[in-house]
Protein backbone atom coordinates (compact mmCIF):
# COMPACT_ATOMS: atom_id res chain seq x y z
CA MET A 1 209.42 71.66 165.59
CA LYS A 2 208.63 75.22 164.49
CA SER A 3 210.00 74.56 161.00
CA ALA A 4 207.78 71.48 160.57
CA ALA A 5 204.70 73.49 161.60
CA ALA A 6 205.70 76.29 159.23
CA ALA A 7 206.13 73.79 156.38
CA VAL A 8 202.67 72.31 157.01
CA THR A 9 201.12 75.79 157.12
CA ALA A 10 202.89 76.81 153.90
CA ALA A 11 201.77 73.61 152.17
CA ALA A 12 198.17 74.19 153.28
CA LEU A 13 198.23 77.75 151.93
CA PHE A 14 199.71 76.57 148.63
CA LEU A 15 197.06 73.87 148.20
CA ALA A 16 194.24 76.27 149.13
CA ALA A 17 195.19 78.79 146.42
CA PRO A 18 193.62 78.37 142.98
CA PRO A 19 196.12 76.60 140.66
CA SER A 20 196.63 79.60 138.37
CA GLN A 21 197.18 81.93 141.34
CA ALA A 22 199.31 79.64 143.51
CA THR A 23 202.91 80.49 144.24
CA VAL A 24 204.72 78.04 142.04
CA SER A 25 208.26 76.94 141.52
CA SER A 26 207.70 75.95 137.89
CA PRO A 27 210.20 77.38 135.40
CA VAL A 28 209.49 80.38 133.19
CA CYS A 29 207.76 79.27 130.00
CA PRO A 30 210.13 79.32 127.03
CA GLU A 31 208.95 81.98 124.60
CA ARG A 32 208.90 79.43 121.76
CA ALA A 33 206.28 77.41 123.71
CA LEU A 34 203.83 80.33 123.77
CA THR A 35 201.45 81.82 121.22
CA LEU A 36 200.42 85.43 121.81
CA ARG A 37 197.30 86.92 120.23
CA ALA A 38 195.82 90.41 120.43
CA SER A 39 192.82 92.18 118.93
CA SER A 40 191.10 95.50 119.41
CA THR A 41 187.50 95.45 120.61
CA GLY A 42 187.01 99.20 120.36
CA PRO A 43 188.97 102.42 120.15
CA ASP A 44 190.29 102.01 123.71
CA VAL A 45 190.43 98.25 124.44
CA VAL A 46 192.80 95.49 123.33
CA ARG A 47 192.28 91.89 124.36
CA VAL A 48 195.38 89.73 124.72
CA SER A 49 195.80 85.99 125.16
CA VAL A 50 198.68 83.59 125.63
CA THR A 51 198.49 79.85 124.97
CA GLN A 52 201.12 77.45 126.29
CA HIS A 53 202.07 74.67 123.83
CA GLY A 54 204.93 73.12 125.80
CA GLY A 55 204.96 69.68 127.32
CA ARG A 56 205.11 70.65 130.99
CA THR A 57 203.77 73.25 133.40
CA CYS A 58 205.57 76.60 133.38
CA THR A 59 204.95 80.21 134.38
CA VAL A 60 204.69 83.69 132.89
CA GLY A 61 204.64 87.08 134.61
CA ARG A 62 201.54 87.89 136.68
CA ALA A 63 200.47 90.39 133.96
CA PRO A 64 201.51 90.90 130.34
CA THR A 65 204.11 93.53 129.54
CA VAL A 66 202.45 95.89 127.05
CA THR A 67 204.49 98.67 125.45
CA PHE A 68 203.61 101.18 122.77
CA GLU A 69 205.70 102.14 119.75
CA ASN A 70 207.98 105.13 120.40
CA LEU A 71 206.57 105.77 123.89
CA ASP A 72 208.35 105.28 127.20
CA GLY A 73 206.87 102.97 129.79
CA SER A 74 204.28 100.24 129.65
CA ALA A 75 200.67 99.65 130.63
CA LEU A 76 200.34 99.48 134.41
CA PRO A 77 198.92 96.26 135.87
CA VAL A 78 195.63 96.62 137.77
CA PRO A 79 195.50 96.14 140.66
CA GLN A 80 198.98 97.41 141.40
CA GLY A 81 201.21 96.08 144.12
CA THR A 82 201.58 92.33 144.07
CA THR A 83 204.19 90.52 142.06
CA GLY A 84 204.43 86.88 141.20
CA ARG A 85 203.90 84.32 138.51
CA TYR A 86 200.94 82.91 136.59
CA ARG A 87 201.00 79.16 136.04
CA LEU A 88 200.14 77.66 132.65
CA ASP A 89 199.67 73.94 132.24
CA PRO A 90 200.15 72.45 128.74
CA GLY A 91 197.30 73.67 126.52
CA ASP A 92 196.19 76.42 128.92
CA THR A 93 195.27 79.88 127.67
CA ALA A 94 195.33 83.00 129.84
CA TYR A 95 193.67 86.31 129.00
CA ALA A 96 194.29 89.99 129.75
CA THR A 97 192.48 93.16 128.80
CA VAL A 98 194.31 96.41 128.07
CA ARG A 99 192.64 99.81 128.24
CA THR A 100 194.83 102.09 126.15
CA ILE A 101 193.12 105.37 127.04
CA ALA A 102 190.54 106.31 129.66
CA ASP A 103 189.01 109.26 127.77
CA LEU A 104 188.93 109.21 123.98
CA THR A 105 188.52 113.01 123.88
CA ASP A 106 191.66 113.62 125.96
CA PRO A 107 193.86 116.15 124.11
CA GLU A 108 196.96 114.57 125.71
CA ALA A 109 196.38 111.29 123.84
CA ARG A 110 199.19 109.97 121.72
CA ARG A 111 198.74 107.97 118.54
CA VAL A 112 200.99 105.02 117.79
CA ASP A 113 201.17 102.58 114.90
CA ALA A 114 201.84 99.46 117.01
CA LEU A 115 202.07 97.91 120.43
CA ALA A 116 204.12 94.99 121.72
CA VAL A 117 203.02 92.30 124.15
CA ALA A 118 205.24 89.93 126.13
CA ALA A 119 203.84 87.17 128.36
CA ASP A 120 206.84 87.51 130.67
CA PRO A 121 209.19 90.45 131.32
CA SER A 122 212.14 88.25 130.27
CA HIS A 123 210.65 87.70 126.78
CA TRP A 124 210.96 89.83 123.65
CA GLY A 125 207.26 89.46 122.94
CA ARG A 126 205.38 90.14 119.74
CA ALA A 127 204.49 93.39 117.99
CA PHE A 128 201.01 94.04 116.62
CA THR A 129 200.26 96.91 114.25
CA ALA A 130 197.08 98.95 114.64
CA ALA A 131 195.83 97.38 111.40
CA GLU A 132 196.56 93.83 112.67
CA LEU A 133 194.64 94.60 115.85
CA GLY A 134 191.67 95.93 113.89
CA ALA A 135 192.19 99.38 115.45
CA GLY A 136 192.32 101.33 112.20
CA ASP A 137 195.40 103.37 111.38
CA ALA A 138 196.47 104.23 114.96
CA ILE A 139 196.16 103.20 118.59
CA ARG A 140 195.24 106.05 120.95
CA VAL A 141 197.27 105.92 124.18
CA TRP A 142 197.19 107.85 127.44
CA GLU A 143 197.77 106.30 130.86
CA PRO A 144 197.21 102.70 129.69
CA VAL A 145 196.39 99.89 132.15
CA THR A 146 196.27 96.11 131.83
CA SER A 147 194.55 93.42 133.83
CA ARG A 148 196.60 90.60 135.25
CA TRP A 149 196.37 87.27 133.43
CA GLN A 150 192.96 85.70 133.99
CA PRO A 151 191.43 82.29 133.18
CA SER A 152 188.85 83.86 130.81
CA ALA A 153 188.40 86.95 128.64
CA ALA A 154 185.29 87.87 130.66
CA ALA A 155 187.31 87.79 133.91
CA ALA A 156 189.98 90.00 132.32
CA ASP A 157 187.31 92.51 131.25
CA ARG A 158 185.76 92.51 134.75
CA ALA A 159 189.20 93.18 136.28
CA LEU A 160 189.22 96.53 134.42
CA GLY A 161 185.52 97.21 134.89
CA ILE A 162 184.73 96.62 131.20
CA GLY A 163 181.60 94.90 130.02
C-alpha cells in the first residue's frame, strides 16, 4: 500500500513541475539533432542557444558546458547545487547566458581566442572564435558563470541578473 501511495505522490509531483523542469526519463539528445548558437552581447556576456531538430523528446544537461581555450575548468552554473536534465521537445529552443568576467578592469583577467559550448556534458560541443561571437579579437575571462537552460533569452539574462 505504501508503494502505491508513493507512486501517486511521485506522479503528482512530476505532473505539477513545468515540462522543461520536470524530472524526465527521456534519452539524451543526440548531438547531431541539436544546433548550437552563440553570440556576444558585450565585452562580458555571451548568449547561447540550443535547438532540437530530432523527431522525439530528449534531454540535455541542466546547464550548458562552457569552456575557454587553453584554460582549465568551465563556467559555473548559477545557481549551483542541483543537477538534472532539461527536456527539449522537437523544435524547442533553450537559452543560456554566460558572464565571462565580473569586472572588466580586473588585472587577473585572461584573454582567449575561443570558447566551446556543449548542450550536454557527454557531447563534444562546438567551438566559437571571438570573431565569430562578435567579441573582437579576444574574450576576457575571469570566474565565468552560466545560467541554466531557460525557455527564453530574457529568462536566461534574469537568471544572471543581466538586463
